[in-house]
Amino acid sequence: MRDILTRERSTLLAASLTAVLWGLTGIFVRLLPGVPPLAVTTGRLSGSLVVALPILAISDARRSSLRLAAKRPVVYALASLLAGYYLLATAAFQLAPVAEVALLLSTPPLFVLALRRIRGDVPKVLEVLGAGLAVA
């Protein structure tokens, strides 16, 4: 039981850190006035690739998982959607107030909880708290 609580606290800490860093990303993007959203998105995705490549080079399990995933066309569709999301979020951070964009980008957990509720699944208390934290 203690391991579960520790893992849940670690997950909540990671979610909190993610929310803070996402807001800081918006501020950083906002402070780049003349840089087109495509250039910022390309830089962010390239930086992620530079960080991920050593991890893939070291870990055989991750490398084999990547090979399996690369054989599935749906992976490319989902990756394209994520890249489009980053591009649109970057443009939104440049065009609108950072706080409003960050708030709107943090609402998907609420939609997930609503869809689960519609399906008849009752969300756990920690899931509701996590969604509330994401919006807060």
C-alpha atoms as a PDB file:
ATOM      1  CA  MET A   1       0.000   0.000   0.000  1.00  0.00           C
ATOM      2  CA  ARG A   2       2.838   2.361   0.859  1.00  0.00           C
ATOM      3  CA  ASP A   3       4.408   1.784  -2.579  1.00  0.00           C
ATOM      4  CA  ILE A   4       1.135   2.743  -4.261  1.00  0.00           C
ATOM      5  CA  LEU A   5       0.901   5.990  -2.268  1.00  0.00           C
ATOM      6  CA  THR A   6       4.521   6.829  -3.031  1.00  0.00           C
ATOM      7  CA  ARG A   7       3.955   6.184  -6.727  1.00  0.00           C
ATOM      8  CA  GLU A   8       0.774   8.276  -6.716  1.00  0.00           C
ATOM      9  CA  ARG A   9       2.573  11.148  -4.985  1.00  0.00           C
ATOM     10  CA  SER A  10       5.405  10.925  -7.493  1.00  0.00           C
ATOM     11  CA  THR A  11       2.891  10.995 -10.319  1.00  0.00           C
ATOM     12  CA  LEU A  12       1.136  13.999  -8.818  1.00  0.00           C
ATOM     13  CA  LEU A  13       4.476  15.762  -8.430  1.00  0.00           C
ATOM     14  CA  ALA A  14       5.317  15.020 -12.065  1.00  0.00           C
ATOM     15  CA  ALA A  15       1.933  16.352 -13.173  1.00  0.00           C
ATOM     16  CA  SER A  16       2.436  19.523 -11.138  1.00  0.00           C
ATOM     17  CA  LEU A  17       5.902  20.033 -12.577  1.00  0.00           C
ATOM     18  CA  THR A  18       4.531  19.468 -16.077  1.00  0.00           C
ATOM     19  CA  ALA A  19       1.877  22.147 -15.569  1.00  0.00           C
ATOM     20  CA  VAL A  20       4.453  24.652 -14.306  1.00  0.00           C
ATOM     21  CA  LEU A  21       6.872  23.887 -17.135  1.00  0.00           C
ATOM     22  CA  TRP A  22       4.101  24.183 -19.712  1.00  0.00           C
ATOM     23  CA  GLY A  23       3.312  27.658 -18.399  1.00  0.00           C
ATOM     24  CA  LEU A  24       7.001  28.565 -18.508  1.00  0.00           C
ATOM     25  CA  THR A  25       7.147  27.308 -22.085  1.00  0.00           C
ATOM     26  CA  GLY A  26       4.343  29.690 -22.949  1.00  0.00           C
ATOM     27  CA  ILE A  27       6.226  32.584 -21.368  1.00  0.00           C
ATOM     28  CA  PHE A  28       9.410  31.615 -23.240  1.00  0.00           C
ATOM     29  CA  VAL A  29       7.542  31.405 -26.555  1.00  0.00           C
ATOM     30  CA  ARG A  30       5.849  34.731 -25.853  1.00  0.00           C
ATOM     31  CA  LEU A  31       9.259  36.359 -25.304  1.00  0.00           C
ATOM     32  CA  LEU A  32      10.387  35.302 -28.799  1.00  0.00           C
ATOM     33  CA  PRO A  33       8.543  37.954 -30.827  1.00  0.00           C
ATOM     34  CA  GLY A  34       9.733  37.662 -34.419  1.00  0.00           C
ATOM     35  CA  VAL A  35      10.362  33.922 -34.447  1.00  0.00           C
ATOM     36  CA  PRO A  36       7.735  32.065 -36.477  1.00  0.00           C
ATOM     37  CA  PRO A  37       5.789  29.300 -34.683  1.00  0.00           C
ATOM     38  CA  LEU A  38       7.129  26.691 -37.125  1.00  0.00           C
ATOM     39  CA  ALA A  39      10.725  27.557 -36.204  1.00  0.00           C
ATOM     40  CA  VAL A  40       9.969  27.354 -32.467  1.00  0.00           C
ATOM     41  CA  THR A  41       8.166  24.030 -32.896  1.00  0.00           C
ATOM     42  CA  THR A  42      10.983  22.630 -35.015  1.00  0.00           C
ATOM     43  CA  GLY A  43      13.488  23.681 -32.349  1.00  0.00           C
ATOM     44  CA  ARG A  44      11.450  22.099 -29.556  1.00  0.00           C
ATOM     45  CA  LEU A  45      11.002  18.817 -31.404  1.00  0.00           C
ATOM     46  CA  SER A  46      14.664  18.768 -32.458  1.00  0.00           C
ATOM     47  CA  GLY A  47      15.721  19.341 -28.858  1.00  0.00           C
ATOM     48  CA  SER A  48      13.508  16.454 -27.771  1.00  0.00           C
ATOM     49  CA  LEU A  49      15.110  14.228 -30.384  1.00  0.00           C
ATOM     50  CA  VAL A  50      18.600  15.154 -29.164  1.00  0.00           C
ATOM     51  CA  VAL A  51      17.603  14.213 -25.603  1.00  0.00           C
ATOM     52  CA  ALA A  52      15.820  10.995 -26.643  1.00  0.00           C
ATOM     53  CA  LEU A  53      18.513   9.590 -28.940  1.00  0.00           C
ATOM     54  CA  PRO A  54      21.056   8.771 -26.184  1.00  0.00           C
ATOM     55  CA  ILE A  55      18.312   7.086 -24.166  1.00  0.00           C
ATOM     56  CA  LEU A  56      17.392   4.970 -27.193  1.00  0.00           C
ATOM     57  CA  ALA A  57      21.050   4.187 -27.845  1.00  0.00           C
ATOM     58  CA  ILE A  58      21.588   2.931 -24.288  1.00  0.00           C
ATOM     59  CA  SER A  59      18.382   0.956 -23.734  1.00  0.00           C
ATOM     60  CA  ASP A  60      17.826  -2.202 -25.805  1.00  0.00           C
ATOM     61  CA  ALA A  61      14.228  -2.501 -24.600  1.00  0.00           C
ATOM     62  CA  ARG A  62      13.361   1.023 -25.715  1.00  0.00           C
ATOM     63  CA  ARG A  63      15.086   0.507 -29.044  1.00  0.00           C
ATOM     64  CA  SER A  64      13.123  -2.667 -29.748  1.00  0.00           C
ATOM     65  CA  SER A  65       9.883  -0.924 -28.700  1.00  0.00           C
ATOM     66  CA  LEU A  66      10.692   1.896 -31.110  1.00  0.00           C
ATOM     67  CA  ARG A  67      11.283  -0.582 -33.936  1.00  0.00           C
ATOM     68  CA  LEU A  68       7.926  -2.248 -33.272  1.00  0.00           C
ATOM     69  CA  ALA A  69       6.147   1.096 -33.119  1.00  0.00           C
ATOM     70  CA  ALA A  70       7.790   2.313 -36.337  1.00  0.00           C
ATOM     71  CA  LYS A  71       6.107  -0.533 -38.226  1.00  0.00           C
ATOM     72  CA  ARG A  72       2.614   0.704 -37.359  1.00  0.00           C
ATOM     73  CA  PRO A  73       1.083   3.434 -39.553  1.00  0.00           C
ATOM     74  CA  VAL A  74      -1.079   4.740 -36.709  1.00  0.00           C
ATOM     75  CA  VAL A  75       2.106   5.849 -34.925  1.00  0.00           C
ATOM     76  CA  TYR A  76       2.888   8.263 -37.754  1.00  0.00           C
ATOM     77  CA  ALA A  77      -0.657   9.645 -37.702  1.00  0.00           C
ATOM     78  CA  LEU A  78      -0.521  10.200 -33.947  1.00  0.00           C
ATOM     79  CA  ALA A  79       2.949  11.758 -34.157  1.00  0.00           C
ATOM     80  CA  SER A  80       1.664  14.141 -36.837  1.00  0.00           C
ATOM     81  CA  LEU A  81      -1.254  15.118 -34.611  1.00  0.00           C
ATOM     82  CA  LEU A  82       1.126  15.792 -31.722  1.00  0.00           C
ATOM     83  CA  ALA A  83       3.405  17.900 -33.929  1.00  0.00           C
ATOM     84  CA  GLY A  84       0.343  19.840 -35.118  1.00  0.00           C
ATOM     85  CA  TYR A  85      -0.710  20.336 -31.508  1.00  0.00           C
ATOM     86  CA  TYR A  86       2.713  21.770 -30.651  1.00  0.00           C
ATOM     87  CA  LEU A  87       2.590  24.053 -33.686  1.00  0.00           C
ATOM     88  CA  LEU A  88      -0.884  25.374 -32.852  1.00  0.00           C
ATOM     89  CA  ALA A  89      -0.052  25.755 -29.152  1.00  0.00           C
ATOM     90  CA  THR A  90       3.082  27.710 -30.030  1.00  0.00           C
ATOM     91  CA  ALA A  91       1.104  29.999 -32.322  1.00  0.00           C
ATOM     92  CA  ALA A  92      -1.537  30.448 -29.612  1.00  0.00           C
ATOM     93  CA  PHE A  93       1.117  31.388 -27.037  1.00  0.00           C
ATOM     94  CA  GLN A  94       2.427  34.026 -29.439  1.00  0.00           C
ATOM     95  CA  LEU A  95      -0.982  35.469 -30.288  1.00  0.00           C
ATOM     96  CA  ALA A  96      -2.994  35.275 -27.070  1.00  0.00           C
ATOM     97  CA  PRO A  97      -2.304  35.884 -23.369  1.00  0.00           C
ATOM     98  CA  VAL A  98      -0.177  33.072 -21.931  1.00  0.00           C
ATOM     99  CA  ALA A  99      -2.452  32.438 -18.943  1.00  0.00           C
ATOM    100  CA  GLU A 100      -5.533  31.956 -21.134  1.00  0.00           C
ATOM    101  CA  VAL A 101      -3.748  29.606 -23.523  1.00  0.00           C
ATOM    102  CA  ALA A 102      -2.245  27.590 -20.661  1.00  0.00           C
ATOM    103  CA  LEU A 103      -5.675  27.303 -19.064  1.00  0.00           C
ATOM    104  CA  LEU A 104      -7.287  26.081 -22.273  1.00  0.00           C
ATOM    105  CA  LEU A 105      -4.461  23.618 -22.929  1.00  0.00           C
ATOM    106  CA  SER A 106      -4.870  22.150 -19.458  1.00  0.00           C
ATOM    107  CA  THR A 107      -8.560  21.263 -19.861  1.00  0.00           C
ATOM    108  CA  PRO A 108      -8.261  17.877 -21.677  1.00  0.00           C
ATOM    109  CA  PRO A 109      -8.274  15.904 -18.389  1.00  0.00           C
ATOM    110  CA  LEU A 110     -11.718  17.367 -17.710  1.00  0.00           C
ATOM    111  CA  PHE A 111     -12.945  16.099 -21.082  1.00  0.00           C
ATOM    112  CA  VAL A 112     -11.493  12.654 -20.377  1.00  0.00           C
ATOM    113  CA  LEU A 113     -13.262  12.519 -17.014  1.00  0.00           C
ATOM    114  CA  ALA A 114     -16.518  13.676 -18.604  1.00  0.00           C
ATOM    115  CA  LEU A 115     -16.302  11.036 -21.343  1.00  0.00           C
ATOM    116  CA  ARG A 116     -15.530   8.332 -18.787  1.00  0.00           C
ATOM    117  CA  ARG A 117     -18.524   9.447 -16.726  1.00  0.00           C
ATOM    118  CA  ILE A 118     -20.762   9.337 -19.801  1.00  0.00           C
ATOM    119  CA  ARG A 119     -19.597   5.753 -20.384  1.00  0.00           C
ATOM    120  CA  GLY A 120     -20.636   4.915 -16.831  1.00  0.00           C
ATOM    121  CA  ASP A 121     -17.142   4.692 -15.334  1.00  0.00           C
ATOM    122  CA  VAL A 122     -16.763   6.493 -12.021  1.00  0.00           C
ATOM    123  CA  PRO A 123     -13.415   8.339 -11.862  1.00  0.00           C
ATOM    124  CA  LYS A 124     -11.224   7.844  -8.809  1.00  0.00           C
ATOM    125  CA  VAL A 125     -10.774  10.681  -6.335  1.00  0.00           C
ATOM    126  CA  LEU A 126      -7.111  11.104  -7.266  1.00  0.00           C
ATOM    127  CA  GLU A 127      -8.033  11.369 -10.955  1.00  0.00           C
ATOM    128  CA  VAL A 128     -10.485  14.162 -10.178  1.00  0.00           C
ATOM    129  CA  LEU A 129      -7.864  15.882  -8.013  1.00  0.00           C
ATOM    130  CA  GLY A 130      -5.287  15.527 -10.797  1.00  0.00           C
ATOM    131  CA  ALA A 131      -7.674  17.057 -13.339  1.00  0.00           C
ATOM    132  CA  GLY A 132      -8.391  19.892 -10.913  1.00  0.00           C
ATOM    133  CA  LEU A 133      -4.684  20.418 -10.380  1.00  0.00           C
ATOM    134  CA  ALA A 134      -4.123  20.537 -14.139  1.00  0.00           C
ATOM    135  CA  VAL A 135      -6.635  23.341 -14.488  1.00  0.00           C
ATOM    136  CA  ALA A 136      -5.469  25.129 -11.327  1.00  0.00           C
END
